């Protein structure tokens, strides 16, 4: 069923009023981000093997803080659905949050600089950068610019597929 939604996703998304798009993002964005992408079977086999060996674990959590100590990375995290914090030590950490969505203008210095230059702005939903149908970024003036084009997750709000 997800494949059918994926094939028609853009048309479905673009037919929704802005208020409904915002509601979808608010309630389903994290679930969609997790399930919309696929990895190569060879990579999946390596990851599955590492999980079976106890060398890899997946965790749904918010990272509250991290520090290097004693040759490892200590991560303070709040597990999904829980209030208390958990602190674990790791050899390495892979954060798979995907694009920063609404925080991109605050967390990505390059994109923040493009905004200061007037070349980009966040879409009305707060999902990605605003783009036109050709992938041109909509600047702070509200008009598309020929100076910056985008693809992939930067166009998430326009495409949602």
N, C-alpha and C. Protein backbone atom coordinates (compact mmCIF):
# COMPACT_ATOMS: atom_id res chain seq x y z
N UNK A 1 0.82 -1.19 0.00
CA UNK A 1 0.00 0.00 0.00
C UNK A 1 0.87 1.26 0.00
N UNK A 2 1.98 1.24 0.74
CA UNK A 2 2.85 2.41 0.77
C UNK A 2 3.38 2.72 -0.62
N UNK A 3 3.62 1.69 -1.44
CA UNK A 3 4.07 1.94 -2.81
C UNK A 3 3.02 2.70 -3.61
N UNK A 4 1.74 2.38 -3.40
CA UNK A 4 0.68 3.09 -4.11
C UNK A 4 0.63 4.55 -3.68
N UNK A 5 0.78 4.79 -2.40
CA UNK A 5 0.80 6.17 -1.91
C UNK A 5 2.02 6.89 -2.45
N UNK A 6 3.15 6.20 -2.49
CA UNK A 6 4.39 6.81 -3.00
C UNK A 6 4.20 7.24 -4.47
N UNK A 7 3.55 6.38 -5.27
CA UNK A 7 3.35 6.71 -6.69
C UNK A 7 2.44 7.92 -6.87
N UNK A 8 1.44 8.06 -6.03
CA UNK A 8 0.46 9.14 -6.17
C UNK A 8 0.69 10.26 -5.16
N UNK A 9 1.75 10.15 -4.38
CA UNK A 9 1.99 11.07 -3.27
C UNK A 9 1.97 12.53 -3.64
N UNK A 10 2.65 12.88 -4.71
CA UNK A 10 2.72 14.29 -5.09
C UNK A 10 1.35 14.85 -5.43
N UNK A 11 0.58 14.09 -6.20
CA UNK A 11 -0.77 14.56 -6.58
C UNK A 11 -1.67 14.66 -5.36
N UNK A 12 -1.60 13.68 -4.48
CA UNK A 12 -2.40 13.71 -3.25
C UNK A 12 -2.02 14.92 -2.41
N UNK A 13 -0.71 15.10 -2.21
CA UNK A 13 -0.22 16.20 -1.38
C UNK A 13 -0.66 17.55 -1.93
N UNK A 14 -0.47 17.75 -3.21
CA UNK A 14 -0.77 19.05 -3.80
C UNK A 14 -2.26 19.35 -3.84
N UNK A 15 -3.09 18.32 -3.74
CA UNK A 15 -4.54 18.52 -3.71
C UNK A 15 -5.04 18.92 -2.32
N UNK A 16 -4.22 18.72 -1.29
CA UNK A 16 -4.64 19.05 0.07
C UNK A 16 -4.55 20.56 0.33
N UNK A 17 -5.53 21.12 1.03
CA UNK A 17 -5.41 22.52 1.45
C UNK A 17 -4.25 22.67 2.43
N UNK A 18 -3.72 23.88 2.56
CA UNK A 18 -2.58 24.15 3.42
C UNK A 18 -2.82 23.67 4.86
N UNK A 19 -4.01 23.88 5.40
CA UNK A 19 -4.30 23.45 6.78
C UNK A 19 -4.18 21.93 6.91
N UNK A 20 -4.61 21.19 5.90
CA UNK A 20 -4.51 19.72 5.94
C UNK A 20 -3.06 19.28 5.78
N UNK A 21 -2.29 19.97 4.94
CA UNK A 21 -0.87 19.65 4.82
C UNK A 21 -0.18 19.84 6.16
N UNK A 22 -0.50 20.93 6.84
CA UNK A 22 0.10 21.16 8.17
C UNK A 22 -0.28 20.06 9.14
N UNK A 23 -1.52 19.60 9.09
CA UNK A 23 -1.97 18.54 9.99
C UNK A 23 -1.23 17.23 9.69
N UNK A 24 -1.08 16.90 8.42
CA UNK A 24 -0.33 15.70 8.04
C UNK A 24 1.09 15.78 8.58
N UNK A 25 1.74 16.92 8.38
CA UNK A 25 3.12 17.09 8.85
C UNK A 25 3.19 16.94 10.36
N UNK A 26 2.25 17.56 11.07
CA UNK A 26 2.25 17.53 12.53
C UNK A 26 2.09 16.09 13.06
N UNK A 27 1.22 15.31 12.45
CA UNK A 27 0.91 13.99 12.98
C UNK A 27 1.70 12.84 12.35
N UNK A 28 2.10 12.99 11.10
CA UNK A 28 2.67 11.84 10.40
C UNK A 28 4.09 12.01 9.87
N UNK A 29 4.68 13.19 10.01
CA UNK A 29 5.99 13.42 9.41
C UNK A 29 7.05 12.43 9.87
N UNK A 30 7.16 12.21 11.16
CA UNK A 30 8.20 11.30 11.65
C UNK A 30 7.99 9.89 11.10
N UNK A 31 6.76 9.42 11.10
CA UNK A 31 6.47 8.08 10.57
C UNK A 31 6.79 8.02 9.08
N UNK A 32 6.40 9.05 8.33
CA UNK A 32 6.68 9.08 6.89
C UNK A 32 8.18 9.12 6.63
N UNK A 33 8.92 9.94 7.38
CA UNK A 33 10.36 10.03 7.19
C UNK A 33 11.03 8.68 7.38
N UNK A 34 10.55 7.92 8.34
CA UNK A 34 11.14 6.61 8.62
C UNK A 34 10.85 5.61 7.50
N UNK A 35 9.65 5.65 6.95
CA UNK A 35 9.24 4.61 6.01
C UNK A 35 9.33 4.96 4.54
N UNK A 36 9.60 6.22 4.20
CA UNK A 36 9.56 6.58 2.79
C UNK A 36 10.82 6.19 2.03
N UNK A 37 11.94 6.08 2.70
CA UNK A 37 13.18 5.78 2.01
C UNK A 37 13.51 4.30 2.11
N UNK A 38 14.17 3.80 1.10
CA UNK A 38 14.58 2.40 1.08
C UNK A 38 16.10 2.36 0.94
N UNK A 39 16.67 1.29 1.48
CA UNK A 39 18.11 1.12 1.33
C UNK A 39 18.36 -0.11 0.49
N UNK A 40 19.54 -0.19 -0.06
CA UNK A 40 19.91 -1.33 -0.89
C UNK A 40 19.91 -2.60 -0.03
N UNK A 41 19.51 -3.74 -0.61
CA UNK A 41 19.47 -4.99 0.15
C UNK A 41 20.81 -5.37 0.77
N UNK A 42 21.92 -5.04 0.10
CA UNK A 42 23.24 -5.35 0.64
C UNK A 42 23.50 -4.58 1.93
N UNK A 43 23.09 -3.32 1.96
CA UNK A 43 23.26 -2.49 3.16
C UNK A 43 22.35 -3.01 4.26
N UNK A 44 21.11 -3.35 3.92
CA UNK A 44 20.18 -3.89 4.91
C UNK A 44 20.73 -5.16 5.55
N UNK A 45 21.38 -6.01 4.75
CA UNK A 45 21.95 -7.26 5.28
C UNK A 45 23.07 -6.96 6.29
N UNK A 46 23.90 -5.98 5.98
CA UNK A 46 24.98 -5.60 6.91
C UNK A 46 24.39 -5.08 8.21
N UNK A 47 23.40 -4.20 8.10
CA UNK A 47 22.77 -3.64 9.30
C UNK A 47 22.09 -4.72 10.13
N UNK A 48 21.37 -5.61 9.47
CA UNK A 48 20.72 -6.72 10.18
C UNK A 48 21.74 -7.59 10.90
N UNK A 49 22.86 -7.86 10.26
CA UNK A 49 23.92 -8.66 10.88
C UNK A 49 24.48 -7.96 12.11
N UNK A 50 24.70 -6.67 12.01
CA UNK A 50 25.22 -5.91 13.15
C UNK A 50 24.23 -5.90 14.31
N UNK A 51 22.95 -5.81 14.02
CA UNK A 51 21.93 -5.88 15.08
C UNK A 51 21.98 -7.24 15.75
N UNK A 52 22.06 -8.31 14.95
CA UNK A 52 22.11 -9.67 15.49
C UNK A 52 23.35 -9.89 16.35
N UNK A 53 24.45 -9.24 15.99
CA UNK A 53 25.70 -9.36 16.75
C UNK A 53 25.70 -8.48 18.00
N UNK A 54 24.69 -7.63 18.14
CA UNK A 54 24.65 -6.72 19.27
C UNK A 54 25.54 -5.50 19.10
N UNK A 55 25.99 -5.23 17.89
CA UNK A 55 26.89 -4.11 17.63
C UNK A 55 26.17 -2.87 17.12
N UNK A 56 24.88 -3.00 16.85
CA UNK A 56 24.08 -1.89 16.35
C UNK A 56 22.70 -1.98 16.99
N UNK A 57 22.18 -0.82 17.39
CA UNK A 57 20.82 -0.76 17.93
C UNK A 57 20.13 0.47 17.37
N UNK A 58 18.87 0.34 17.12
CA UNK A 58 18.06 1.47 16.67
C UNK A 58 17.28 1.96 17.88
N UNK A 59 17.15 3.27 17.98
CA UNK A 59 16.47 3.83 19.13
C UNK A 59 15.70 5.07 18.69
N UNK A 60 14.43 5.13 19.05
CA UNK A 60 13.63 6.32 18.81
C UNK A 60 13.75 7.20 20.04
N UNK A 61 14.47 8.30 19.89
CA UNK A 61 14.72 9.18 21.03
C UNK A 61 15.08 10.57 20.54
N UNK A 62 14.99 11.50 21.47
CA UNK A 62 15.48 12.85 21.22
C UNK A 62 16.81 12.97 21.92
N UNK A 63 17.81 13.46 21.21
CA UNK A 63 19.12 13.66 21.84
C UNK A 63 19.06 14.98 22.60
N UNK A 64 19.35 14.89 23.89
CA UNK A 64 19.32 16.06 24.76
C UNK A 64 20.71 16.68 24.86
N UNK A 65 21.74 15.84 24.78
CA UNK A 65 23.10 16.33 24.85
C UNK A 65 24.08 15.20 24.62
N UNK A 66 25.32 15.57 24.33
CA UNK A 66 26.36 14.57 24.11
C UNK A 66 27.70 15.17 24.49
N UNK A 67 28.60 14.30 24.92
CA UNK A 67 29.96 14.74 25.26
C UNK A 67 30.92 13.59 25.07
N UNK A 68 32.17 13.93 24.79
CA UNK A 68 33.20 12.91 24.70
C UNK A 68 33.80 12.72 26.08
N UNK A 69 33.91 11.46 26.49
CA UNK A 69 34.50 11.17 27.80
C UNK A 69 35.03 9.75 27.79
N UNK A 70 36.23 9.60 28.31
CA UNK A 70 36.84 8.26 28.44
C UNK A 70 36.88 7.50 27.12
N UNK A 71 37.15 8.20 26.02
CA UNK A 71 37.29 7.55 24.72
C UNK A 71 35.98 7.12 24.10
N UNK A 72 34.86 7.58 24.60
CA UNK A 72 33.57 7.22 24.02
C UNK A 72 32.69 8.46 23.94
N UNK A 73 31.51 8.29 23.39
CA UNK A 73 30.55 9.38 23.28
C UNK A 73 29.41 9.08 24.24
N UNK A 74 29.25 9.93 25.24
CA UNK A 74 28.14 9.79 26.19
C UNK A 74 26.99 10.63 25.66
N UNK A 75 25.85 9.96 25.47
CA UNK A 75 24.69 10.63 24.90
C UNK A 75 23.54 10.61 25.90
N UNK A 76 23.03 11.82 26.19
CA UNK A 76 21.83 11.94 27.01
C UNK A 76 20.65 12.00 26.05
N UNK A 77 19.67 11.13 26.30
CA UNK A 77 18.56 11.03 25.38
C UNK A 77 17.26 10.79 26.12
N UNK A 78 16.19 11.24 25.51
CA UNK A 78 14.85 11.01 26.02
C UNK A 78 14.19 10.05 25.04
N UNK A 79 13.92 8.84 25.52
CA UNK A 79 13.29 7.84 24.66
C UNK A 79 11.87 8.28 24.32
N UNK A 80 11.45 7.94 23.12
CA UNK A 80 10.11 8.32 22.67
C UNK A 80 9.06 7.85 23.69
N UNK A 81 8.18 8.75 24.05
CA UNK A 81 7.09 8.42 24.95
C UNK A 81 7.47 8.39 26.42
N UNK A 82 8.68 8.78 26.77
CA UNK A 82 9.12 8.76 28.16
C UNK A 82 9.61 10.14 28.57
N UNK A 83 9.52 10.41 29.87
CA UNK A 83 9.96 11.72 30.37
C UNK A 83 11.39 11.67 30.89
N UNK A 84 11.79 10.54 31.44
CA UNK A 84 13.11 10.46 32.06
C UNK A 84 14.20 10.36 30.99
N UNK A 85 15.41 10.75 31.38
CA UNK A 85 16.55 10.71 30.47
C UNK A 85 17.33 9.42 30.66
N UNK A 86 17.94 8.98 29.58
CA UNK A 86 18.81 7.81 29.58
C UNK A 86 20.19 8.29 29.11
N UNK A 87 21.23 7.82 29.77
CA UNK A 87 22.59 8.16 29.35
C UNK A 87 23.29 6.86 28.99
N UNK A 88 23.82 6.80 27.78
CA UNK A 88 24.56 5.63 27.30
C UNK A 88 25.87 6.08 26.71
N UNK A 89 26.85 5.18 26.72
CA UNK A 89 28.15 5.45 26.10
C UNK A 89 28.27 4.62 24.83
N UNK A 90 28.78 5.25 23.77
CA UNK A 90 28.89 4.60 22.47
C UNK A 90 30.27 4.84 21.88
N UNK A 91 30.68 3.90 21.01
CA UNK A 91 31.90 4.10 20.22
C UNK A 91 31.62 5.09 19.09
N UNK A 92 30.42 4.99 18.54
CA UNK A 92 30.01 5.91 17.47
C UNK A 92 28.50 6.07 17.53
N UNK A 93 28.03 7.16 16.98
CA UNK A 93 26.61 7.48 16.98
C UNK A 93 26.23 7.91 15.58
N UNK A 94 25.13 7.39 15.08
CA UNK A 94 24.61 7.79 13.78
C UNK A 94 23.25 8.41 14.02
N UNK A 95 23.11 9.67 13.72
CA UNK A 95 21.84 10.35 13.90
C UNK A 95 21.10 10.30 12.57
N UNK A 96 19.93 9.71 12.57
CA UNK A 96 19.17 9.52 11.34
C UNK A 96 17.88 10.32 11.36
N UNK A 97 17.97 11.56 11.75
CA UNK A 97 16.78 12.39 11.85
C UNK A 97 16.31 12.90 10.50
N UNK A 98 17.14 12.78 9.49
CA UNK A 98 16.76 13.31 8.19
C UNK A 98 16.96 14.81 8.15
N UNK A 99 16.32 15.47 7.22
CA UNK A 99 16.52 16.91 7.10
C UNK A 99 16.02 17.62 8.35
N UNK A 100 16.56 18.79 8.60
CA UNK A 100 16.23 19.54 9.81
C UNK A 100 14.83 20.15 9.76
N UNK A 101 14.16 20.06 8.63
CA UNK A 101 12.83 20.62 8.46
C UNK A 101 12.82 22.08 8.89
N UNK A 102 11.94 22.45 9.79
CA UNK A 102 11.77 23.86 10.15
C UNK A 102 13.02 24.47 10.78
N UNK A 103 13.91 23.65 11.34
CA UNK A 103 15.12 24.16 11.98
C UNK A 103 16.26 24.42 11.00
N UNK A 104 16.06 24.12 9.72
CA UNK A 104 17.17 24.22 8.76
C UNK A 104 17.76 25.62 8.71
N UNK A 105 16.95 26.64 8.86
CA UNK A 105 17.47 28.00 8.78
C UNK A 105 18.28 28.36 10.03
N UNK A 106 18.06 27.63 11.11
CA UNK A 106 18.80 27.88 12.34
C UNK A 106 20.03 26.99 12.43
N UNK A 107 19.96 25.77 11.91
CA UNK A 107 21.02 24.79 12.12
C UNK A 107 21.98 24.62 10.97
N UNK A 108 21.63 25.06 9.78
CA UNK A 108 22.49 24.91 8.62
C UNK A 108 23.01 26.28 8.22
N UNK A 109 24.28 26.54 8.49
CA UNK A 109 24.82 27.87 8.26
C UNK A 109 24.78 28.28 6.79
N UNK A 110 24.96 27.32 5.89
CA UNK A 110 24.92 27.65 4.46
C UNK A 110 23.52 28.08 4.05
N UNK A 111 22.52 27.34 4.47
CA UNK A 111 21.14 27.70 4.12
C UNK A 111 20.74 29.01 4.81
N UNK A 112 21.19 29.20 6.05
CA UNK A 112 20.91 30.46 6.75
C UNK A 112 21.51 31.64 5.99
N UNK A 113 22.70 31.46 5.44
CA UNK A 113 23.34 32.53 4.66
C UNK A 113 22.53 32.81 3.39
N UNK A 114 22.02 31.77 2.74
CA UNK A 114 21.19 31.98 1.55
C UNK A 114 19.92 32.76 1.91
N UNK A 115 19.36 32.48 3.10
CA UNK A 115 18.18 33.23 3.53
C UNK A 115 18.55 34.71 3.75
N UNK A 116 19.67 34.96 4.41
CA UNK A 116 20.09 36.35 4.64
C UNK A 116 20.30 37.09 3.32
N UNK A 117 20.71 36.37 2.29
CA UNK A 117 20.89 36.98 0.96
C UNK A 117 19.56 37.13 0.22
N UNK A 118 18.47 36.61 0.82
CA UNK A 118 17.15 36.72 0.21
C UNK A 118 16.85 35.65 -0.81
N UNK A 119 17.68 34.62 -0.91
CA UNK A 119 17.52 33.61 -1.96
C UNK A 119 16.59 32.46 -1.58
N UNK A 120 16.37 32.22 -0.30
CA UNK A 120 15.51 31.10 0.12
C UNK A 120 14.65 31.54 1.29
N UNK A 121 13.57 30.79 1.48
CA UNK A 121 12.75 30.94 2.68
C UNK A 121 12.11 29.59 2.97
N UNK A 122 11.66 29.43 4.18
CA UNK A 122 10.99 28.20 4.59
C UNK A 122 9.60 28.17 3.98
N UNK A 123 9.12 26.98 3.63
CA UNK A 123 7.78 26.86 3.08
C UNK A 123 6.74 27.14 4.18
N UNK A 124 5.49 27.40 3.81
CA UNK A 124 4.47 27.77 4.81
C UNK A 124 4.17 26.69 5.84
N UNK A 125 4.54 25.45 5.54
CA UNK A 125 4.27 24.35 6.46
C UNK A 125 5.41 24.16 7.44
N UNK A 126 6.60 24.62 7.08
CA UNK A 126 7.77 24.42 7.92
C UNK A 126 8.42 23.08 7.68
N UNK A 127 8.21 22.51 6.51
CA UNK A 127 8.73 21.19 6.20
C UNK A 127 10.08 21.26 5.47
N UNK A 128 10.26 22.25 4.64
CA UNK A 128 11.48 22.35 3.83
C UNK A 128 11.58 23.76 3.28
N UNK A 129 12.42 23.94 2.29
CA UNK A 129 12.50 25.23 1.63
C UNK A 129 11.33 25.35 0.65
N UNK A 130 10.87 26.55 0.46
CA UNK A 130 9.80 26.76 -0.50
C UNK A 130 10.39 26.79 -1.90
N UNK A 131 9.79 26.05 -2.83
CA UNK A 131 10.25 26.01 -4.21
C UNK A 131 9.06 26.12 -5.15
N UNK A 132 9.36 26.47 -6.39
CA UNK A 132 8.31 26.46 -7.40
C UNK A 132 8.30 25.11 -8.09
N UNK A 133 7.47 24.96 -9.11
CA UNK A 133 7.34 23.65 -9.77
C UNK A 133 8.59 23.22 -10.52
N UNK A 134 9.51 24.14 -10.82
CA UNK A 134 10.77 23.79 -11.48
C UNK A 134 11.91 23.58 -10.50
N UNK A 135 11.63 23.66 -9.21
CA UNK A 135 12.68 23.46 -8.22
C UNK A 135 13.45 24.71 -7.86
N UNK A 136 13.04 25.84 -8.42
CA UNK A 136 13.71 27.09 -8.07
C UNK A 136 13.28 27.52 -6.67
N UNK A 137 14.24 27.94 -5.88
CA UNK A 137 13.93 28.40 -4.53
C UNK A 137 13.12 29.68 -4.58
N UNK A 138 12.15 29.79 -3.69
CA UNK A 138 11.39 31.02 -3.54
C UNK A 138 12.13 31.85 -2.51
N UNK A 139 12.50 33.06 -2.91
CA UNK A 139 13.26 33.93 -2.03
C UNK A 139 12.38 34.63 -1.01
N UNK A 140 13.01 35.41 -0.16
CA UNK A 140 12.27 36.12 0.88
C UNK A 140 11.30 37.14 0.29
N UNK A 141 11.49 37.50 -0.98
CA UNK A 141 10.56 38.41 -1.66
C UNK A 141 9.26 37.73 -2.04
N UNK A 142 9.26 36.38 -1.98
CA UNK A 142 8.08 35.62 -2.40
C UNK A 142 8.12 35.22 -3.86
N UNK A 143 9.18 35.59 -4.56
CA UNK A 143 9.33 35.24 -5.97
C UNK A 143 10.42 34.19 -6.14
N UNK A 144 10.26 33.28 -7.11
CA UNK A 144 11.33 32.30 -7.38
C UNK A 144 12.58 33.01 -7.89
N UNK A 145 13.71 32.43 -7.59
CA UNK A 145 14.98 32.99 -8.04
C UNK A 145 15.66 32.00 -8.97
N UNK A 146 16.32 32.51 -9.98
CA UNK A 146 17.11 31.66 -10.87
C UNK A 146 18.49 31.37 -10.29
N UNK A 147 18.81 31.97 -9.16
CA UNK A 147 20.15 31.83 -8.58
C UNK A 147 20.30 30.60 -7.70
N UNK A 148 19.20 29.98 -7.29
CA UNK A 148 19.31 28.81 -6.41
C UNK A 148 18.21 27.83 -6.73
N UNK A 149 18.58 26.63 -7.14
CA UNK A 149 17.63 25.55 -7.39
C UNK A 149 17.86 24.48 -6.35
N UNK A 150 16.85 23.70 -6.10
CA UNK A 150 16.98 22.67 -5.08
C UNK A 150 16.37 21.36 -5.55
N UNK A 151 16.74 20.29 -4.87
CA UNK A 151 16.25 18.96 -5.19
C UNK A 151 16.15 18.16 -3.91
N UNK A 152 15.57 16.97 -4.02
CA UNK A 152 15.51 16.06 -2.88
C UNK A 152 14.71 16.61 -1.71
N UNK A 153 15.22 16.35 -0.51
CA UNK A 153 14.45 16.72 0.69
C UNK A 153 14.26 18.22 0.83
N UNK A 154 15.07 19.03 0.16
CA UNK A 154 14.87 20.48 0.22
C UNK A 154 13.54 20.88 -0.40
N UNK A 155 13.00 20.02 -1.26
CA UNK A 155 11.72 20.31 -1.93
C UNK A 155 10.58 19.52 -1.32
N UNK A 156 10.75 18.99 -0.14
CA UNK A 156 9.77 18.08 0.46
C UNK A 156 8.36 18.64 0.47
N UNK A 157 8.19 19.88 0.81
CA UNK A 157 6.84 20.44 0.91
C UNK A 157 6.19 20.55 -0.46
N UNK A 158 6.97 20.84 -1.49
CA UNK A 158 6.42 20.98 -2.83
C UNK A 158 6.09 19.62 -3.43
N UNK A 159 6.89 18.64 -3.12
CA UNK A 159 6.72 17.33 -3.77
C UNK A 159 5.99 16.32 -2.91
N UNK A 160 6.40 16.20 -1.65
CA UNK A 160 5.82 15.24 -0.70
C UNK A 160 5.55 13.89 -1.35
N UNK A 161 6.59 13.33 -1.93
CA UNK A 161 6.43 11.99 -2.50
C UNK A 161 7.50 11.07 -2.00
